[in-house]
Amino acid sequence: MATYVIGDIQGCMQSLQRLLDHIKFDQTQDRLWFVGDLVNRGPQSLEVLRFVKQLGSSAVAVLGNHDIHLLALWCQITQPGRKDTLQPILCAPDADDLLNWLRFRPLLHVEDDFIMIHAGVLPSWSKSQAMELAHEVEEALQSERFREVLPAIYFRKTQQPLNPLGSEERLGLTTNVLTRLRVCTLEGHPDFSFKGPPGEAPPGYFPWFEIPNRATKHNTIVFGHWSALGIVQKNHIFALDGGCIWGRELVTMRLQDRRLFRVPCAKL
């Protein structure tokens, strides 16, 4: 039995299928972890959601920013983006079933020595604090009144994490950090707008995992989200967004021996 953690798919079902064929995935024995962003930009988001959902206990998927965006579209608290490819999900006969399943996915998954998130954690957050904050958002998403709290969760402006936050502000900050963070200052102030390679970060901003004395520096963290970063395997950090949607590669890492497997992807 093996566990494979897979980078951002973003609706690229054909690439996912080629990767699973490459690793000879056996649903009766193996498990798949997904670092988030199952959907959007690619042509087969509906097929990806249906596939991962039917895997049942063989799969663990954390929520990414595009997955949260899909939930916000479903609840009509935002408008489709110019590059969105999510309408087939929203129009599908099983849309409510799929999206109710999606909102019950975690923001953070801890198992054995691994923490899986979509994007990052603030330098001051310990493993236990990140788990507690993620659980608060997960409870809100999974509650009967999730449509009322989703606007706070989807809140996309930058807050100052060092200031005291109300409960709704905390939901928004936690979600933004776990699903959108790439860089922050040494003091932990995030910049959620930056998307480029680390060397082009604004002055005073650094990759979140390179901040000295980060509280999670001794934890092993796997994540995606940052295609311009590329694949990283060092210092307990495993970044696995191979830029599939941009025509680069879809990557998975086998947790037992940390070996990488890759398949090339067509540019869409």
C-alpha atoms as a PDB file:
ATOM      1  CA  MET A   1       0.000   0.000   0.000  1.00  0.00           C
ATOM      2  CA  ALA A   2       1.300   3.448  -0.946  1.00  0.00           C
ATOM      3  CA  THR A   3       0.138   7.026  -0.384  1.00  0.00           C
ATOM      4  CA  TYR A   4       0.698   9.573  -3.145  1.00  0.00           C
ATOM      5  CA  VAL A   5       0.280  13.330  -2.703  1.00  0.00           C
ATOM      6  CA  ILE A   6      -0.641  15.063  -5.964  1.00  0.00           C
ATOM      7  CA  GLY A   7      -0.099  18.699  -6.951  1.00  0.00           C
ATOM      8  CA  ASP A   8      -2.680  21.130  -8.307  1.00  0.00           C
ATOM      9  CA  ILE A   9      -4.919  19.494 -10.934  1.00  0.00           C
ATOM     10  CA  GLN A  10      -7.236  22.419 -11.778  1.00  0.00           C
ATOM     11  CA  GLY A  11      -9.598  20.440 -13.947  1.00  0.00           C
ATOM     12  CA  CYS A  12      -6.935  18.579 -15.960  1.00  0.00           C
ATOM     13  CA  MET A  13      -8.533  15.136 -15.771  1.00  0.00           C
ATOM     14  CA  GLN A  14      -6.585  13.631 -18.663  1.00  0.00           C
ATOM     15  CA  SER A  15      -3.280  14.571 -17.033  1.00  0.00           C
ATOM     16  CA  LEU A  16      -4.472  13.088 -13.745  1.00  0.00           C
ATOM     17  CA  GLN A  17      -5.436   9.845 -15.442  1.00  0.00           C
ATOM     18  CA  ARG A  18      -2.036   9.603 -17.144  1.00  0.00           C
ATOM     19  CA  LEU A  19      -0.320  10.169 -13.801  1.00  0.00           C
ATOM     20  CA  LEU A  20      -2.398   7.480 -12.100  1.00  0.00           C
ATOM     21  CA  ASP A  21      -1.603   5.062 -14.924  1.00  0.00           C
ATOM     22  CA  HIS A  22       2.092   5.949 -14.551  1.00  0.00           C
ATOM     23  CA  ILE A  23       2.154   5.078 -10.841  1.00  0.00           C
ATOM     24  CA  LYS A  24      -0.166   2.084 -11.373  1.00  0.00           C
ATOM     25  CA  PHE A  25      -2.619   3.405  -8.797  1.00  0.00           C
ATOM     26  CA  ASP A  26      -4.764   0.683  -7.230  1.00  0.00           C
ATOM     27  CA  GLN A  27      -7.819   2.075  -5.450  1.00  0.00           C
ATOM     28  CA  THR A  28      -8.180  -1.090  -3.393  1.00  0.00           C
ATOM     29  CA  GLN A  29      -4.715  -0.667  -1.874  1.00  0.00           C
ATOM     30  CA  ASP A  30      -3.329   2.835  -2.444  1.00  0.00           C
ATOM     31  CA  ARG A  31      -4.369   6.264  -1.213  1.00  0.00           C
ATOM     32  CA  LEU A  32      -4.262   9.654  -2.900  1.00  0.00           C
ATOM     33  CA  TRP A  33      -3.765  13.020  -1.227  1.00  0.00           C
ATOM     34  CA  PHE A  34      -4.658  16.164  -3.174  1.00  0.00           C
ATOM     35  CA  VAL A  35      -3.127  19.517  -2.198  1.00  0.00           C
ATOM     36  CA  GLY A  36      -6.183  21.500  -3.321  1.00  0.00           C
ATOM     37  CA  ASP A  37      -7.346  23.320  -6.447  1.00  0.00           C
ATOM     38  CA  LEU A  38      -9.037  20.289  -7.900  1.00  0.00           C
ATOM     39  CA  VAL A  39     -10.954  22.628 -10.192  1.00  0.00           C
ATOM     40  CA  ASN A  40     -10.874  25.657 -12.496  1.00  0.00           C
ATOM     41  CA  ARG A  41      -8.973  26.851 -15.554  1.00  0.00           C
ATOM     42  CA  GLY A  42      -8.750  23.318 -16.969  1.00  0.00           C
ATOM     43  CA  PRO A  43     -11.434  21.739 -19.202  1.00  0.00           C
ATOM     44  CA  GLN A  44     -12.711  18.893 -17.002  1.00  0.00           C
ATOM     45  CA  SER A  45     -13.306  20.210 -13.497  1.00  0.00           C
ATOM     46  CA  LEU A  46     -16.618  18.364 -13.283  1.00  0.00           C
ATOM     47  CA  GLU A  47     -14.966  15.055 -14.140  1.00  0.00           C
ATOM     48  CA  VAL A  48     -12.186  15.658 -11.594  1.00  0.00           C
ATOM     49  CA  LEU A  49     -14.681  16.354  -8.796  1.00  0.00           C
ATOM     50  CA  ARG A  50     -16.721  13.277  -9.631  1.00  0.00           C
ATOM     51  CA  PHE A  51     -13.606  11.116  -9.751  1.00  0.00           C
ATOM     52  CA  VAL A  52     -12.125  12.280  -6.446  1.00  0.00           C
ATOM     53  CA  LYS A  53     -15.497  12.057  -4.689  1.00  0.00           C
ATOM     54  CA  GLN A  54     -16.013   8.448  -5.792  1.00  0.00           C
ATOM     55  CA  LEU A  55     -12.611   7.496  -4.368  1.00  0.00           C
ATOM     56  CA  GLY A  56     -14.187   7.698  -0.920  1.00  0.00           C
ATOM     57  CA  SER A  57     -11.788   6.861   1.884  1.00  0.00           C
ATOM     58  CA  SER A  58      -8.988   6.246  -0.623  1.00  0.00           C
ATOM     59  CA  ALA A  59      -8.629  10.021  -1.045  1.00  0.00           C
ATOM     60  CA  VAL A  60      -7.915  13.071   1.102  1.00  0.00           C
ATOM     61  CA  ALA A  61      -8.317  16.486  -0.515  1.00  0.00           C
ATOM     62  CA  VAL A  62      -7.736  19.837   1.170  1.00  0.00           C
ATOM     63  CA  LEU A  63      -9.443  22.959  -0.091  1.00  0.00           C
ATOM     64  CA  GLY A  64      -7.592  25.369  -2.353  1.00  0.00           C
ATOM     65  CA  ASN A  65      -8.455  28.922  -3.353  1.00  0.00           C
ATOM     66  CA  HIS A  66     -10.145  27.803  -6.598  1.00  0.00           C
ATOM     67  CA  ASP A  67     -12.240  25.276  -4.665  1.00  0.00           C
ATOM     68  CA  ILE A  68     -13.364  28.025  -2.259  1.00  0.00           C
ATOM     69  CA  HIS A  69     -14.121  30.234  -5.273  1.00  0.00           C
ATOM     70  CA  LEU A  70     -16.362  27.501  -6.676  1.00  0.00           C
ATOM     71  CA  LEU A  71     -18.306  27.348  -3.409  1.00  0.00           C
ATOM     72  CA  ALA A  72     -18.680  31.139  -3.486  1.00  0.00           C
ATOM     73  CA  LEU A  73     -20.055  30.971  -7.044  1.00  0.00           C
ATOM     74  CA  TRP A  74     -22.491  28.236  -6.004  1.00  0.00           C
ATOM     75  CA  CYS A  75     -23.761  30.433  -3.185  1.00  0.00           C
ATOM     76  CA  GLN A  76     -23.912  33.464  -5.502  1.00  0.00           C
ATOM     77  CA  ILE A  77     -21.654  35.700  -3.407  1.00  0.00           C
ATOM     78  CA  THR A  78     -19.220  36.379  -6.260  1.00  0.00           C
ATOM     79  CA  GLN A  79     -19.174  36.506 -10.056  1.00  0.00           C
ATOM     80  CA  PRO A  80     -17.328  34.186 -12.447  1.00  0.00           C
ATOM     81  CA  GLY A  81     -13.825  35.249 -13.390  1.00  0.00           C
ATOM     82  CA  ARG A  82     -12.790  35.729 -17.007  1.00  0.00           C
ATOM     83  CA  LYS A  83     -10.753  32.500 -17.010  1.00  0.00           C
ATOM     84  CA  ASP A  84     -13.157  30.389 -14.951  1.00  0.00           C
ATOM     85  CA  THR A  85     -14.229  27.023 -16.367  1.00  0.00           C
ATOM     86  CA  LEU A  86     -16.646  26.117 -13.578  1.00  0.00           C
ATOM     87  CA  GLN A  87     -20.047  26.459 -15.267  1.00  0.00           C
ATOM     88  CA  PRO A  88     -20.338  22.746 -16.162  1.00  0.00           C
ATOM     89  CA  ILE A  89     -20.186  21.924 -12.440  1.00  0.00           C
ATOM     90  CA  LEU A  90     -22.806  24.489 -11.510  1.00  0.00           C
ATOM     91  CA  CYS A  91     -25.120  23.212 -14.261  1.00  0.00           C
ATOM     92  CA  ALA A  92     -24.586  19.501 -13.583  1.00  0.00           C
ATOM     93  CA  PRO A  93     -27.517  17.422 -12.288  1.00  0.00           C
ATOM     94  CA  ASP A  94     -25.372  16.322  -9.350  1.00  0.00           C
ATOM     95  CA  ALA A  95     -24.058  19.843  -8.614  1.00  0.00           C
ATOM     96  CA  ASP A  96     -25.514  20.098  -5.106  1.00  0.00           C
ATOM     97  CA  ASP A  97     -24.232  16.658  -4.184  1.00  0.00           C
ATOM     98  CA  LEU A  98     -20.723  17.454  -5.445  1.00  0.00           C
ATOM     99  CA  LEU A  99     -20.548  20.876  -3.817  1.00  0.00           C
ATOM    100  CA  ASN A 100     -21.885  19.704  -0.492  1.00  0.00           C
ATOM    101  CA  TRP A 101     -19.171  17.044  -0.607  1.00  0.00           C
ATOM    102  CA  LEU A 102     -16.587  19.742  -1.439  1.00  0.00           C
ATOM    103  CA  ARG A 103     -17.505  21.981   1.473  1.00  0.00           C
ATOM    104  CA  PHE A 104     -16.851  19.085   3.842  1.00  0.00           C
ATOM    105  CA  ARG A 105     -13.211  18.834   2.728  1.00  0.00           C
ATOM    106  CA  PRO A 106     -10.614  20.036   5.273  1.00  0.00           C
ATOM    107  CA  LEU A 107      -8.362  23.065   4.966  1.00  0.00           C
ATOM    108  CA  LEU A 108      -5.503  21.222   6.639  1.00  0.00           C
ATOM    109  CA  HIS A 109      -4.742  17.526   6.987  1.00  0.00           C
ATOM    110  CA  VAL A 110      -2.328  16.025   9.516  1.00  0.00           C
ATOM    111  CA  GLU A 111      -1.242  12.403   9.350  1.00  0.00           C
ATOM    112  CA  ASP A 112       1.886  10.712  10.685  1.00  0.00           C
ATOM    113  CA  ASP A 113       4.723  13.230  10.198  1.00  0.00           C
ATOM    114  CA  PHE A 114       3.009  15.201   7.434  1.00  0.00           C
ATOM    115  CA  ILE A 115       0.929  18.372   7.297  1.00  0.00           C
ATOM    116  CA  MET A 116      -0.886  18.959   4.001  1.00  0.00           C
ATOM    117  CA  ILE A 117      -2.198  22.411   3.102  1.00  0.00           C
ATOM    118  CA  HIS A 118      -2.857  24.187  -0.169  1.00  0.00           C
ATOM    119  CA  ALA A 119      -0.674  27.297   0.199  1.00  0.00           C
ATOM    120  CA  GLY A 120       1.110  28.213   3.441  1.00  0.00           C
ATOM    121  CA  VAL A 121       1.095  29.077   7.126  1.00  0.00           C
ATOM    122  CA  LEU A 122       2.147  32.268   8.873  1.00  0.00           C
ATOM    123  CA  PRO A 123       5.562  32.119  10.590  1.00  0.00           C
ATOM    124  CA  SER A 124       4.043  32.578  14.039  1.00  0.00           C
ATOM    125  CA  TRP A 125       1.551  29.727  13.671  1.00  0.00           C
ATOM    126  CA  SER A 126       2.482  26.476  15.362  1.00  0.00           C
ATOM    127  CA  LYS A 127       1.127  23.186  14.091  1.00  0.00           C
ATOM    128  CA  SER A 128      -1.487  23.094  16.849  1.00  0.00           C
ATOM    129  CA  GLN A 129      -2.545  26.695  16.230  1.00  0.00           C
ATOM    130  CA  ALA A 130      -2.846  26.117  12.471  1.00  0.00           C
ATOM    131  CA  MET A 131      -4.960  23.030  13.163  1.00  0.00           C
ATOM    132  CA  GLU A 132      -7.207  24.966  15.544  1.00  0.00           C
ATOM    133  CA  LEU A 133      -7.704  27.852  13.119  1.00  0.00           C
ATOM    134  CA  ALA A 134      -8.364  25.503  10.197  1.00  0.00           C
ATOM    135  CA  HIS A 135     -10.898  23.560  12.267  1.00  0.00           C
ATOM    136  CA  GLU A 136     -12.768  26.796  13.021  1.00  0.00           C
ATOM    137  CA  VAL A 137     -13.206  27.461   9.299  1.00  0.00           C
ATOM    138  CA  GLU A 138     -14.097  23.841   8.588  1.00  0.00           C
ATOM    139  CA  GLU A 139     -16.819  23.890  11.240  1.00  0.00           C
ATOM    140  CA  ALA A 140     -18.260  27.056   9.697  1.00  0.00           C
ATOM    141  CA  LEU A 141     -18.230  25.584   6.176  1.00  0.00           C
ATOM    142  CA  GLN A 142     -19.836  22.363   7.362  1.00  0.00           C
ATOM    143  CA  SER A 143     -22.551  24.014   9.443  1.00  0.00           C
ATOM    144  CA  GLU A 144     -26.168  24.432   8.360  1.00  0.00           C
ATOM    145  CA  ARG A 145     -25.641  28.200   8.145  1.00  0.00           C
ATOM    146  CA  PHE A 146     -22.569  27.968   5.906  1.00  0.00           C
ATOM    147  CA  ARG A 147     -24.162  30.272   3.309  1.00  0.00           C
ATOM    148  CA  GLU A 148     -24.287  33.026   5.935  1.00  0.00           C
ATOM    149  CA  VAL A 149     -20.624  32.714   6.904  1.00  0.00           C
ATOM    150  CA  LEU A 150     -19.182  32.005   3.462  1.00  0.00           C
ATOM    151  CA  PRO A 151     -18.828  35.735   2.615  1.00  0.00           C
ATOM    152  CA  ALA A 152     -16.504  36.100   5.626  1.00  0.00           C
ATOM    153  CA  ILE A 153     -14.564  32.972   4.673  1.00  0.00           C
ATOM    154  CA  TYR A 154     -14.223  34.171   1.064  1.00  0.00           C
ATOM    155  CA  PHE A 155     -13.105  37.666   2.146  1.00  0.00           C
ATOM    156  CA  ARG A 156     -10.059  38.298  -0.065  1.00  0.00           C
ATOM    157  CA  LYS A 157      -8.510  41.527   1.204  1.00  0.00           C
ATOM    158  CA  THR A 158      -5.307  41.567   3.251  1.00  0.00           C
ATOM    159  CA  GLN A 159      -5.766  41.828   7.002  1.00  0.00           C
ATOM    160  CA  GLN A 160      -3.033  42.526   9.499  1.00  0.00           C
ATOM    161  CA  PRO A 161      -2.612  39.215  11.352  1.00  0.00           C
ATOM    162  CA  LEU A 162      -0.785  40.809  14.286  1.00  0.00           C
ATOM    163  CA  ASN A 163      -3.852  42.840  15.233  1.00  0.00           C
ATOM    164  CA  PRO A 164      -6.727  41.383  17.282  1.00  0.00           C
ATOM    165  CA  LEU A 165      -9.354  39.982  14.923  1.00  0.00           C
ATOM    166  CA  GLY A 166     -13.050  39.298  15.370  1.00  0.00           C
ATOM    167  CA  SER A 167     -14.363  35.823  14.620  1.00  0.00           C
ATOM    168  CA  GLU A 168     -15.446  36.621  11.041  1.00  0.00           C
ATOM    169  CA  GLU A 169     -12.164  38.420  10.286  1.00  0.00           C
ATOM    170  CA  ARG A 170     -10.305  35.412  11.652  1.00  0.00           C
ATOM    171  CA  LEU A 171     -12.231  33.079   9.318  1.00  0.00           C
ATOM    172  CA  GLY A 172     -11.192  35.212   6.352  1.00  0.00           C
ATOM    173  CA  LEU A 173      -7.555  35.516   7.390  1.00  0.00           C
ATOM    174  CA  THR A 174      -7.205  31.797   8.100  1.00  0.00           C
ATOM    175  CA  THR A 175      -8.687  30.858   4.739  1.00  0.00           C
ATOM    176  CA  ASN A 176      -6.550  33.376   2.861  1.00  0.00           C
ATOM    177  CA  VAL A 177      -3.378  32.161   4.554  1.00  0.00           C
ATOM    178  CA  LEU A 178      -4.018  28.451   4.079  1.00  0.00           C
ATOM    179  CA  THR A 179      -5.233  28.773   0.473  1.00  0.00           C
ATOM    180  CA  ARG A 180      -3.441  31.843  -0.959  1.00  0.00           C
ATOM    181  CA  LEU A 181      -0.207  32.619   0.929  1.00  0.00           C
ATOM    182  CA  ARG A 182       3.094  32.684  -0.943  1.00  0.00           C
ATOM    183  CA  VAL A 183       5.191  35.428   0.639  1.00  0.00           C
ATOM    184  CA  CYS A 184       5.209  37.467   3.829  1.00  0.00           C
ATOM    185  CA  THR A 185       7.485  39.807   5.767  1.00  0.00           C
ATOM    186  CA  LEU A 186       9.767  38.711   8.579  1.00  0.00           C
ATOM    187  CA  GLU A 187       7.048  39.970  10.949  1.00  0.00           C
ATOM    188  CA  GLY A 188       4.431  37.775   9.261  1.00  0.00           C
ATOM    189  CA  HIS A 189       2.520  40.313   7.173  1.00  0.00           C
ATOM    190  CA  PRO A 190       1.264  38.489   4.060  1.00  0.00           C
ATOM    191  CA  ASP A 191       1.049  39.708   0.471  1.00  0.00           C
ATOM    192  CA  PHE A 192      -1.705  37.686  -1.178  1.00  0.00           C
ATOM    193  CA  SER A 193      -1.422  39.405  -4.569  1.00  0.00           C
ATOM    194  CA  PHE A 194       2.107  38.269  -5.470  1.00  0.00           C
ATOM    195  CA  LYS A 195       2.225  35.283  -7.863  1.00  0.00           C
ATOM    196  CA  GLY A 196       5.709  35.351  -9.397  1.00  0.00           C
ATOM    197  CA  PRO A 197       8.923  33.446  -8.635  1.00  0.00           C
ATOM    198  CA  PRO A 198      10.563  34.038  -5.234  1.00  0.00           C
ATOM    199  CA  GLY A 199      13.299  36.229  -6.685  1.00  0.00           C
ATOM    200  CA  GLU A 200      10.714  38.749  -7.859  1.00  0.00           C
ATOM    201  CA  ALA A 201       8.939  39.150  -4.505  1.00  0.00           C
ATOM    202  CA  PRO A 202       8.391  42.754  -3.327  1.00  0.00           C
ATOM    203  CA  PRO A 203      11.176  44.214  -1.157  1.00  0.00           C
ATOM    204  CA  GLY A 204      10.981  42.867   2.380  1.00  0.00           C
ATOM    205  CA  TYR A 205       8.872  39.845   1.407  1.00  0.00           C
ATOM    206  CA  PHE A 206      10.090  36.247   1.400  1.00  0.00           C
ATOM    207  CA  PRO A 207       8.625  32.783   0.800  1.00  0.00           C
ATOM    208  CA  TRP A 208       6.668  31.926   3.936  1.00  0.00           C
ATOM    209  CA  PHE A 209       8.711  28.745   4.490  1.00  0.00           C
ATOM    210  CA  GLU A 210      12.026  30.658   4.474  1.00  0.00           C
ATOM    211  CA  ILE A 211      11.207  32.949   7.391  1.00  0.00           C
ATOM    212  CA  PRO A 212      13.772  32.340  10.184  1.00  0.00           C
ATOM    213  CA  ASN A 213      12.422  30.768  13.369  1.00  0.00           C
ATOM    214  CA  ARG A 214       9.145  29.808  11.713  1.00  0.00           C
ATOM    215  CA  ALA A 215       7.094  27.918  14.323  1.00  0.00           C
ATOM    216  CA  THR A 216       6.521  24.979  11.944  1.00  0.00           C
ATOM    217  CA  LYS A 217      10.124  24.685  10.712  1.00  0.00           C
ATOM    218  CA  HIS A 218      10.474  21.209  12.221  1.00  0.00           C
ATOM    219  CA  ASN A 219       7.211  19.975  10.721  1.00  0.00           C
ATOM    220  CA  THR A 220       7.060  18.279   7.311  1.00  0.00           C
ATOM    221  CA  ILE A 221       4.681  20.273   5.113  1.00  0.00           C
ATOM    222  CA  VAL A 222       3.380  19.397   1.640  1.00  0.00           C
ATOM    223  CA  PHE A 223       1.574  22.042  -0.407  1.00  0.00           C
ATOM    224  CA  GLY A 224       0.852  23.347  -3.909  1.00  0.00           C
ATOM    225  CA  HIS A 225      -0.566  26.673  -5.115  1.00  0.00           C
ATOM    226  CA  TRP A 226       2.686  28.330  -6.245  1.00  0.00           C
ATOM    227  CA  SER A 227       3.391  27.190  -9.802  1.00  0.00           C
ATOM    228  CA  ALA A 228       6.062  29.888 -10.310  1.00  0.00           C
ATOM    229  CA  LEU A 229       8.000  28.407  -7.373  1.00  0.00           C
ATOM    230  CA  GLY A 230       8.409  25.040  -9.046  1.00  0.00           C
ATOM    231  CA  ILE A 231       9.003  21.729  -7.307  1.00  0.00           C
ATOM    232  CA  VAL A 232      10.798  22.026  -3.960  1.00  0.00           C
ATOM    233  CA  GLN A 233      12.075  19.207  -1.735  1.00  0.00           C
ATOM    234  CA  LYS A 234      14.185  20.522   1.134  1.00  0.00           C
ATOM    235  CA  ASN A 235      14.150  21.301   4.851  1.00  0.00           C
ATOM    236  CA  HIS A 236      10.850  19.479   5.561  1.00  0.00           C
ATOM    237  CA  ILE A 237       9.190  21.418   2.715  1.00  0.00           C
ATOM    238  CA  PHE A 238       7.620  19.733  -0.322  1.00  0.00           C
ATOM    239  CA  ALA A 239       6.079  22.070  -2.913  1.00  0.00           C
ATOM    240  CA  LEU A 240       4.282  20.082  -5.614  1.00  0.00           C
ATOM    241  CA  ASP A 241       2.557  22.515  -7.993  1.00  0.00           C
ATOM    242  CA  GLY A 242       4.233  21.574 -11.264  1.00  0.00           C
ATOM    243  CA  GLY A 243       2.198  24.048 -13.322  1.00  0.00           C
ATOM    244  CA  CYS A 244       0.047  21.433 -15.056  1.00  0.00           C
ATOM    245  CA  ILE A 245      -2.470  24.048 -16.163  1.00  0.00           C
ATOM    246  CA  TRP A 246       0.347  26.046 -17.786  1.00  0.00           C
ATOM    247  CA  GLY A 247       1.536  23.128 -19.895  1.00  0.00           C
ATOM    248  CA  ARG A 248       4.368  21.973 -17.654  1.00  0.00           C
ATOM    249  CA  GLU A 249       3.832  18.822 -15.560  1.00  0.00           C
ATOM    250  CA  LEU A 250       1.610  17.123 -13.019  1.00  0.00           C
ATOM    251  CA  VAL A 251       3.629  15.809 -10.104  1.00  0.00           C
ATOM    252  CA  THR A 252       3.018  13.360  -7.287  1.00  0.00           C
ATOM    253  CA  MET A 253       5.219  12.304  -4.384  1.00  0.00           C
ATOM    254  CA  ARG A 254       5.030   8.881  -2.788  1.00  0.00           C
ATOM    255  CA  LEU A 255       5.078   9.598   0.931  1.00  0.00           C
ATOM    256  CA  GLN A 256       6.738   6.359   1.969  1.00  0.00           C
ATOM    257  CA  ASP A 257      10.036   7.121   0.185  1.00  0.00           C
ATOM    258  CA  ARG A 258       9.405  10.726  -0.999  1.00  0.00           C
ATOM    259  CA  ARG A 259      10.015   9.726  -4.608  1.00  0.00           C
ATOM    260  CA  LEU A 260       8.590  12.002  -7.305  1.00  0.00           C
ATOM    261  CA  PHE A 261       6.622  10.852 -10.358  1.00  0.00           C
ATOM    262  CA  ARG A 262       5.779  13.235 -13.197  1.00  0.00           C
ATOM    263  CA  VAL A 263       3.818  13.393 -16.430  1.00  0.00           C
ATOM    264  CA  PRO A 264       4.068  16.219 -18.989  1.00  0.00           C
ATOM    265  CA  CYS A 265       0.966  18.330 -19.576  1.00  0.00           C
ATOM    266  CA  ALA A 266      -0.356  20.009 -22.694  1.00  0.00           C
ATOM    267  CA  LYS A 267      -0.671  23.799 -22.626  1.00  0.00           C
ATOM    268  CA  LEU A 268      -4.341  24.762 -22.719  1.00  0.00           C
END
